[in-house]
């Protein structure tokens, strides 16, 4: 009888222990909306999640306008010409979110012309002026024109829209794009409630942004009220991280130029590692979630994970590992390349160990340390990547560096 009672208590304790561990140690990302890939939707940022790439067209004012002008904006993307037979229907749909968020900063409507020969800036100016006369904020509605082939390429490659060859100028798809350029919602313009649904989804994305901004502001106020001690500059006098060129999981070159002016977290690992690497990567995944919740953008902080086993860690293998870790690869870069270059960068750049070993598990020995590098390429901290408390300190130090540079 005593054994049965003990077994029942143990079974009850297991889920409770899990809840306590997750509640105390875990940081969770509850996405309000899914992300989109070519194969469907997914709830986390992993390789293959669609992000709108750079583009540049001409708006209704005759001015250059592109993705750079939408930085930090939530926006609806629509595709039609002002001379289309269905222009009245889709305009009616777009007027709903336009009016709902007429006084709100950070929310825009962007229309891509499917009739660029007809839709000159003058024609578009008249259309936009007519339909935005009740806007509280100027330039919330952008209508873009340009070369037809270029617009077609944007629609096909950036928004994954396959058009009907028999009716190519009838695109009923509407996309919702978040402040980081990710596709977060898709709607059919012919649906009566399409943009009403989008309006509610915009509110969810705006809430994400507001919560992140609030967290960032509170953190800054906390540092101003109780200024922490300045972080030391580590390593030899005047040491900065040497230039580098490696290969990312997209099989494209990634170099020191891609991290200029950004704070970085550095680590070394390999995907076949049977011991600490999953723990290190798990801590970095947790770090990424916490930084996002605290309003830290990919333009401010990046994570660079270098493989010590580049012969097996191909870009394809790194992509598999990144997806396994649930990494947002717009911020977290997994790097491979020439073995000696990787090892030299570890030894002379970050003062870490990375080398083959006949005695180490998996055949490689590498430091279990995270290195914090500031925007001036200086080392500002070393942390035990297996220790949650030290990783939490690292996160606080990142926020401290960001706060110092804001002043």
Protein backbone atom coordinates (compact mmCIF):
# COMPACT_ATOMS: atom_id res chain seq x y z
CA UNK A 1 0.00 0.00 0.00
CA UNK A 2 2.83 2.35 0.92
CA UNK A 3 4.48 1.66 -2.44
CA UNK A 4 1.25 2.49 -4.30
CA UNK A 5 0.88 5.79 -2.44
CA UNK A 6 4.51 6.66 -3.16
CA UNK A 7 4.02 5.88 -6.85
CA UNK A 8 0.89 8.06 -7.04
CA UNK A 9 2.69 10.95 -5.33
CA UNK A 10 5.63 10.56 -7.72
CA UNK A 11 3.36 10.65 -10.78
CA UNK A 12 1.66 13.77 -9.46
CA UNK A 13 4.99 15.39 -8.63
CA UNK A 14 6.51 14.93 -12.08
CA UNK A 15 4.22 17.30 -13.98
CA UNK A 16 4.30 19.73 -11.05
CA UNK A 17 8.10 19.71 -11.09
CA UNK A 18 8.04 20.36 -14.83
CA UNK A 19 5.75 23.32 -14.37
CA UNK A 20 7.95 24.75 -11.62
CA UNK A 21 11.14 24.30 -13.69
CA UNK A 22 9.59 25.84 -16.79
CA UNK A 23 7.94 28.59 -14.82
CA UNK A 24 11.09 29.60 -12.97
CA UNK A 25 13.78 28.95 -15.55
CA UNK A 26 11.95 29.06 -18.83
CA UNK A 27 11.22 32.04 -21.04
CA UNK A 28 8.45 31.36 -23.51
CA UNK A 29 7.48 33.02 -26.75
CA UNK A 30 3.75 32.82 -27.38
CA UNK A 31 3.36 34.06 -30.93
CA UNK A 32 0.13 35.90 -31.52
CA UNK A 33 0.14 35.06 -35.21
CA UNK A 34 1.87 32.35 -37.26
CA UNK A 35 4.79 32.83 -39.60
CA UNK A 36 4.66 31.71 -43.22
CA UNK A 37 6.91 29.45 -45.28
CA UNK A 38 6.53 28.15 -48.82
CA UNK A 39 5.13 24.94 -47.31
CA UNK A 40 2.61 26.51 -44.94
CA UNK A 41 2.50 28.19 -41.55
CA UNK A 42 4.69 27.66 -38.51
CA UNK A 43 4.65 29.10 -34.99
CA UNK A 44 8.35 29.95 -34.62
CA UNK A 45 11.10 31.71 -36.52
CA UNK A 46 13.15 29.02 -38.25
CA UNK A 47 15.02 28.77 -41.57
CA UNK A 48 12.53 29.01 -44.42
CA UNK A 49 10.23 31.52 -42.73
CA UNK A 50 9.40 34.16 -45.32
CA UNK A 51 10.71 37.66 -44.82
CA UNK A 52 10.16 40.43 -47.36
CA UNK A 53 13.45 41.33 -49.03
CA UNK A 54 14.71 44.72 -50.08
CA UNK A 55 12.81 46.51 -52.83
CA UNK A 56 12.63 50.08 -54.09
CA UNK A 57 9.90 51.62 -56.25
CA UNK A 58 8.29 55.03 -56.86
CA UNK A 59 5.37 56.25 -54.76
CA UNK A 60 2.47 58.56 -55.52
CA UNK A 61 4.66 61.58 -54.78
CA UNK A 62 7.18 60.54 -57.39
CA UNK A 63 9.65 59.72 -54.61
CA UNK A 64 11.73 56.60 -54.10
CA UNK A 65 10.10 54.29 -51.56
CA UNK A 66 11.12 50.82 -50.40
CA UNK A 67 11.47 48.38 -47.55
CA UNK A 68 13.89 50.68 -45.73
CA UNK A 69 11.06 53.21 -45.41
CA UNK A 70 8.88 50.57 -43.71
CA UNK A 71 11.38 49.72 -41.00
CA UNK A 72 9.55 49.29 -37.70
CA UNK A 73 6.14 49.45 -39.42
CA UNK A 74 3.29 46.94 -39.49
CA UNK A 75 1.82 47.08 -42.97
CA UNK A 76 -0.75 45.56 -45.30
CA UNK A 77 0.44 44.71 -48.81
CA UNK A 78 -2.11 44.81 -51.65
CA UNK A 79 -1.71 44.29 -55.40
CA UNK A 80 -3.92 45.96 -58.02
CA UNK A 81 -4.06 48.72 -60.60
CA UNK A 82 -6.25 51.79 -60.22
CA UNK A 83 -7.78 50.98 -63.64
CA UNK A 84 -8.79 47.44 -62.63
CA UNK A 85 -12.45 46.42 -62.82
CA UNK A 86 -12.36 45.33 -59.18
CA UNK A 87 -10.60 48.46 -57.86
CA UNK A 88 -13.75 49.59 -56.05
CA UNK A 89 -14.06 46.30 -54.16
CA UNK A 90 -10.48 46.14 -52.96
CA UNK A 91 -10.42 49.86 -52.12
CA UNK A 92 -13.49 49.37 -49.95
CA UNK A 93 -11.68 46.60 -48.10
CA UNK A 94 -8.57 48.71 -47.54
CA UNK A 95 -10.55 51.67 -46.27
CA UNK A 96 -11.50 49.71 -43.17
CA UNK A 97 -7.98 49.36 -41.65
CA UNK A 98 -7.02 52.76 -43.08
CA UNK A 99 -9.80 54.43 -41.10
CA UNK A 100 -9.38 52.24 -38.02
CA UNK A 101 -5.70 53.17 -37.64
CA UNK A 102 -5.83 56.65 -39.16
CA UNK A 103 -4.25 58.26 -36.06
CA UNK A 104 -1.78 55.49 -35.24
CA UNK A 105 1.93 55.68 -35.92
CA UNK A 106 3.70 52.58 -37.20
CA UNK A 107 0.85 51.14 -39.30
CA UNK A 108 0.71 51.53 -43.09
CA UNK A 109 -0.98 50.30 -46.25
CA UNK A 110 1.27 49.60 -49.23
CA UNK A 111 -0.23 48.92 -52.66
CA UNK A 112 1.81 47.60 -55.58
CA UNK A 113 0.49 48.60 -58.98
CA UNK A 114 -0.36 45.81 -61.42
CA UNK A 115 -0.85 48.44 -64.11
CA UNK A 116 2.33 50.52 -63.89
CA UNK A 117 1.98 51.96 -67.40
CA UNK A 118 -1.34 53.51 -66.38
CA UNK A 119 -0.45 54.20 -62.75
CA UNK A 120 1.87 57.17 -63.02
CA UNK A 121 2.66 59.06 -59.81
CA UNK A 122 0.09 61.68 -60.82
CA UNK A 123 -2.66 59.06 -61.21
CA UNK A 124 -1.69 57.41 -57.93
CA UNK A 125 -1.57 60.74 -56.11
CA UNK A 126 -5.15 61.45 -57.07
CA UNK A 127 -6.26 57.96 -55.98
CA UNK A 128 -4.45 58.11 -52.63
CA UNK A 129 -5.62 61.66 -51.86
CA UNK A 130 -9.22 60.68 -52.56
CA UNK A 131 -9.13 57.66 -50.29
CA UNK A 132 -7.06 59.01 -47.41
CA UNK A 133 -8.66 62.39 -46.88
CA UNK A 134 -9.76 61.39 -43.37
CA UNK A 135 -6.32 60.15 -42.30
CA UNK A 136 -4.93 61.58 -39.12
CA UNK A 137 -1.33 60.72 -40.10
CA UNK A 138 0.20 61.66 -43.42
CA UNK A 139 1.68 59.07 -45.80
CA UNK A 140 0.08 56.07 -44.10
CA UNK A 141 -1.07 54.87 -47.54
CA UNK A 142 1.66 54.30 -50.12
CA UNK A 143 0.90 53.30 -53.71
CA UNK A 144 3.96 52.11 -55.61
CA UNK A 145 4.71 51.91 -59.31
CA UNK A 146 7.76 51.14 -61.43
CA UNK A 147 8.97 48.65 -64.04
CA UNK A 148 6.42 45.89 -64.62
CA UNK A 149 9.01 43.08 -64.61
CA UNK A 150 10.46 44.30 -61.32
CA UNK A 151 7.03 44.52 -59.68
CA UNK A 152 6.19 41.04 -60.98
CA UNK A 153 9.41 39.74 -59.42
CA UNK A 154 8.59 41.31 -56.05
CA UNK A 155 5.11 39.77 -56.07
CA UNK A 156 6.43 36.34 -57.03
CA UNK A 157 9.56 36.12 -54.88
CA UNK A 158 8.81 38.25 -51.84
CA UNK A 159 5.10 37.50 -51.42
CA UNK A 160 4.98 33.95 -52.87
CA UNK A 161 2.03 34.79 -55.11
CA UNK A 162 1.44 32.59 -58.15
CA UNK A 163 -0.69 34.54 -60.61
CA UNK A 164 -3.24 33.11 -63.02
CA UNK A 165 -1.68 33.34 -66.53
CA UNK A 166 -5.14 33.97 -67.98
CA UNK A 167 -5.91 36.78 -65.53
CA UNK A 168 -2.55 37.99 -64.13
CA UNK A 169 -3.83 41.39 -63.04
CA UNK A 170 -6.44 39.97 -60.71
CA UNK A 171 -4.59 39.31 -57.45
CA UNK A 172 -6.97 38.94 -54.53
CA UNK A 173 -4.24 38.14 -52.00
CA UNK A 174 -3.55 40.59 -49.18
CA UNK A 175 -0.59 40.14 -46.84
CA UNK A 176 0.03 41.43 -43.32
CA UNK A 177 3.73 42.16 -42.70
CA UNK A 178 5.16 42.72 -39.23
CA UNK A 179 7.68 45.34 -38.11
CA UNK A 180 10.61 43.04 -38.92
CA UNK A 181 9.38 42.24 -42.42
CA UNK A 182 7.92 38.78 -41.73
CA UNK A 183 4.67 37.67 -43.36
CA UNK A 184 2.19 37.14 -40.53
CA UNK A 185 -1.28 37.03 -42.10
CA UNK A 186 -2.86 36.35 -45.49
CA UNK A 187 -6.38 37.33 -46.56
CA UNK A 188 -8.61 37.10 -49.62
CA UNK A 189 -9.91 40.45 -50.80
CA UNK A 190 -13.14 38.92 -52.05
CA UNK A 191 -14.02 37.84 -48.52
CA UNK A 192 -16.40 40.29 -46.88
CA UNK A 193 -14.57 40.21 -43.55
CA UNK A 194 -11.00 39.85 -44.86
CA UNK A 195 -9.69 43.23 -43.76
CA UNK A 196 -11.78 43.27 -40.60
CA UNK A 197 -9.84 40.15 -39.63
CA UNK A 198 -6.61 41.85 -40.67
CA UNK A 199 -7.49 44.86 -38.53
CA UNK A 200 -7.73 42.64 -35.46
CA UNK A 201 -4.45 40.94 -36.37
CA UNK A 202 -2.77 44.32 -36.68
CA UNK A 203 -3.86 45.03 -33.12
CA UNK A 204 -2.11 41.84 -31.97
CA UNK A 205 1.11 42.78 -33.75
CA UNK A 206 0.90 46.31 -32.39
CA UNK A 207 0.52 44.86 -28.91
CA UNK A 208 3.71 42.85 -29.43
CA UNK A 209 5.52 46.06 -30.38
CA UNK A 210 4.06 48.04 -27.50
CA UNK A 211 5.00 45.41 -24.92
CA UNK A 212 8.54 45.25 -26.25
CA UNK A 213 8.86 49.03 -26.23
CA UNK A 214 7.47 49.22 -22.68
CA UNK A 215 9.98 46.62 -21.49
CA UNK A 216 12.81 48.50 -23.15
CA UNK A 217 11.75 51.81 -21.61
CA UNK A 218 11.42 50.32 -18.12
CA UNK A 219 14.86 48.77 -18.42
CA UNK A 220 16.36 52.12 -19.41
CA UNK A 221 14.63 53.84 -16.48
CA UNK A 222 15.96 51.18 -14.12
CA UNK A 223 19.54 51.74 -15.29
CA UNK A 224 19.13 55.51 -14.99
CA UNK A 225 17.80 55.18 -11.44
CA UNK A 226 20.47 52.73 -10.32
CA UNK A 227 23.42 53.02 -12.73
CA UNK A 228 25.42 49.76 -12.82
CA UNK A 229 29.19 49.72 -12.80
CA UNK A 230 30.65 50.14 -16.31
CA UNK A 231 31.55 46.87 -18.01
CA UNK A 232 35.29 46.26 -18.35
CA UNK A 233 37.07 46.10 -21.70
CA UNK A 234 38.77 42.69 -21.76
CA UNK A 235 41.76 41.27 -23.60
CA UNK A 236 45.07 42.90 -24.47
CA UNK A 237 45.22 46.68 -24.67
CA UNK A 238 43.53 48.07 -27.81
CA UNK A 239 42.44 44.58 -28.89
CA UNK A 240 39.53 44.43 -31.34
CA UNK A 241 38.00 41.44 -33.12
CA UNK A 242 39.89 40.68 -36.37
CA UNK A 243 38.04 40.78 -39.72
CA UNK A 244 36.55 37.46 -40.84
CA UNK A 245 34.73 35.84 -43.74
CA UNK A 246 32.74 32.64 -43.17
CA UNK A 247 29.72 30.90 -44.73
CA UNK A 248 26.17 30.99 -43.35
CA UNK A 249 23.44 28.36 -43.46
CA UNK A 250 22.09 30.00 -46.63
CA UNK A 251 25.42 29.15 -48.31
CA UNK A 252 26.19 32.86 -48.63
CA UNK A 253 29.24 34.74 -47.43
CA UNK A 254 28.96 36.28 -43.96
CA UNK A 255 31.68 38.63 -42.74
CA UNK A 256 32.64 41.27 -40.19
CA UNK A 257 30.94 43.81 -42.45
CA UNK A 258 27.56 42.22 -41.64
CA UNK A 259 27.96 42.93 -37.92
CA UNK A 260 29.41 46.43 -38.04
CA UNK A 261 27.90 48.60 -35.31
CA UNK A 262 26.14 45.66 -33.62
CA UNK A 263 26.57 43.98 -30.26
CA UNK A 264 27.41 40.30 -30.64
CA UNK A 265 27.22 37.08 -28.62
CA UNK A 266 29.85 34.56 -29.76
CA UNK A 267 30.07 30.82 -29.20
CA UNK A 268 31.63 27.67 -30.69
CA UNK A 269 29.81 24.36 -31.17
CA UNK A 270 29.24 21.48 -33.58
CA UNK A 271 25.99 19.88 -34.65
CA UNK A 272 27.04 16.28 -33.86
CA UNK A 273 28.11 17.22 -30.34
CA UNK A 274 26.93 14.58 -27.83
CA UNK A 275 27.49 16.65 -24.69
CA UNK A 276 27.27 20.39 -23.97
CA UNK A 277 26.45 21.91 -27.37
CA UNK A 278 22.69 21.34 -27.15
CA UNK A 279 22.78 23.00 -23.73
CA UNK A 280 24.76 25.97 -25.06
CA UNK A 281 22.41 26.37 -28.01
CA UNK A 282 19.40 26.01 -25.74
CA UNK A 283 20.69 28.89 -23.63
CA UNK A 284 21.15 31.00 -26.76
CA UNK A 285 17.62 30.18 -27.89
CA UNK A 286 16.36 31.32 -24.49
CA UNK A 287 18.50 34.45 -24.76
CA UNK A 288 17.00 35.27 -28.14
CA UNK A 289 13.46 35.02 -26.79
CA UNK A 290 14.24 37.20 -23.75
CA UNK A 291 15.93 39.87 -25.86
CA UNK A 292 12.95 39.96 -28.20
CA UNK A 293 10.56 40.39 -25.29
CA UNK A 294 12.70 43.24 -23.98
CA UNK A 295 12.43 45.07 -27.29
CA UNK A 296 15.95 44.36 -28.56
CA UNK A 297 16.03 44.20 -32.36
CA UNK A 298 18.20 42.26 -34.79
CA UNK A 299 19.69 45.60 -35.83
CA UNK A 300 21.18 45.92 -32.34
CA UNK A 301 22.30 42.45 -31.24
CA UNK A 302 23.38 39.37 -33.20
CA UNK A 303 24.39 35.86 -32.18
CA UNK A 304 27.24 34.13 -34.04
CA UNK A 305 27.64 30.38 -33.52
CA UNK A 306 30.79 29.00 -35.18
CA UNK A 307 31.19 25.32 -36.05
CA UNK A 308 34.39 23.58 -34.92
CA UNK A 309 33.55 20.72 -37.32
CA UNK A 310 33.14 22.51 -40.66
CA UNK A 311 33.87 19.38 -42.70
CA UNK A 312 30.58 17.85 -41.54
CA UNK A 313 28.71 21.04 -40.68
CA UNK A 314 27.67 22.08 -44.16
CA UNK A 315 25.23 24.97 -44.64
CA UNK A 316 22.47 22.40 -45.07
CA UNK A 317 23.41 20.72 -41.81
CA UNK A 318 23.51 24.09 -40.04
CA UNK A 319 20.05 24.90 -41.41
CA UNK A 320 18.75 21.63 -39.97
CA UNK A 321 20.30 22.43 -36.59
CA UNK A 322 18.95 25.98 -36.58
CA UNK A 323 15.45 24.70 -37.24
CA UNK A 324 15.86 22.12 -34.48
CA UNK A 325 16.81 24.90 -32.06
CA UNK A 326 13.92 27.15 -33.17
CA UNK A 327 16.41 29.91 -34.03
CA UNK A 328 15.40 33.22 -35.55
CA UNK A 329 18.12 33.17 -38.19
CA UNK A 330 17.70 36.85 -39.04
CA UNK A 331 19.52 37.45 -35.75
CA UNK A 332 21.23 34.16 -34.94
CA UNK A 333 23.85 33.22 -37.54
CA UNK A 334 25.34 29.72 -37.79
CA UNK A 335 28.74 29.83 -39.46
CA UNK A 336 31.02 27.33 -41.15
CA UNK A 337 34.04 27.70 -43.42
CA UNK A 338 37.74 26.97 -43.50
CA UNK A 339 38.74 25.05 -40.38
CA UNK A 340 41.98 26.92 -39.75
CA UNK A 341 40.27 30.29 -40.19
CA UNK A 342 37.57 29.29 -37.69
CA UNK A 343 40.14 28.05 -35.18
CA UNK A 344 42.36 31.12 -35.58
CA UNK A 345 39.39 33.42 -35.06
CA UNK A 346 38.55 31.58 -31.84
CA UNK A 347 42.14 31.67 -30.55
CA UNK A 348 43.30 35.13 -31.61
CA UNK A 349 39.99 36.96 -31.89
CA UNK A 350 38.04 35.77 -28.86
CA UNK A 351 40.74 33.93 -26.86
CA UNK A 352 38.70 30.72 -26.89
CA UNK A 353 39.70 27.11 -27.54
CA UNK A 354 38.59 25.23 -30.65
CA UNK A 355 40.46 22.17 -31.88
CA UNK A 356 40.15 18.47 -32.76
CA UNK A 357 40.66 16.05 -29.89
CA UNK A 358 41.03 12.28 -29.73
CA UNK A 359 39.86 12.26 -26.13
CA UNK A 360 36.96 14.73 -26.19
CA UNK A 361 33.41 13.45 -26.74
CA UNK A 362 32.52 13.82 -30.40
CA UNK A 363 36.13 14.39 -31.45
CA UNK A 364 36.40 18.12 -30.76
CA UNK A 365 37.30 20.25 -27.80
CA UNK A 366 35.93 23.78 -27.57
CA UNK A 367 35.19 26.39 -24.93
CA UNK A 368 31.77 26.35 -23.28
CA UNK A 369 31.97 30.13 -23.02
CA UNK A 370 29.87 32.93 -24.50
CA UNK A 371 31.75 36.08 -25.45
CA UNK A 372 30.07 39.49 -25.45
CA UNK A 373 31.43 41.92 -28.05
CA UNK A 374 30.35 45.56 -28.20
CA UNK A 375 29.64 47.79 -31.21
CA UNK A 376 33.29 48.88 -31.26
CA UNK A 377 34.48 45.25 -31.70
CA UNK A 378 35.79 45.07 -28.13
CA UNK A 379 35.34 42.13 -25.76
CA UNK A 380 33.16 43.15 -22.81
CA UNK A 381 32.36 39.87 -21.08
CA UNK A 382 32.89 36.10 -20.77
CA UNK A 383 30.12 33.85 -19.45
CA UNK A 384 29.69 30.15 -18.71
CA UNK A 385 27.21 29.10 -21.41
CA UNK A 386 26.02 26.15 -19.32
CA UNK A 387 25.00 28.38 -16.40
CA UNK A 388 21.55 29.97 -16.50
CA UNK A 389 22.56 32.57 -13.91
CA UNK A 390 25.63 33.63 -15.92
CA UNK A 391 23.61 33.79 -19.12
CA UNK A 392 21.09 35.98 -17.31
CA UNK A 393 23.98 38.24 -16.30
CA UNK A 394 25.05 38.36 -19.94
CA UNK A 395 21.57 39.47 -20.96
CA UNK A 396 21.63 42.22 -18.32
CA UNK A 397 25.04 43.31 -19.60
CA UNK A 398 23.69 43.51 -23.17
CA UNK A 399 20.85 45.74 -21.99
CA UNK A 400 23.38 47.82 -20.06
CA UNK A 401 25.50 48.34 -23.19
CA UNK A 402 22.42 49.35 -25.16
CA UNK A 403 21.35 51.74 -22.42
CA UNK A 404 24.79 53.34 -22.22
CA UNK A 405 24.84 53.97 -25.96
CA UNK A 406 21.39 55.57 -25.92
CA UNK A 407 22.56 58.30 -23.54
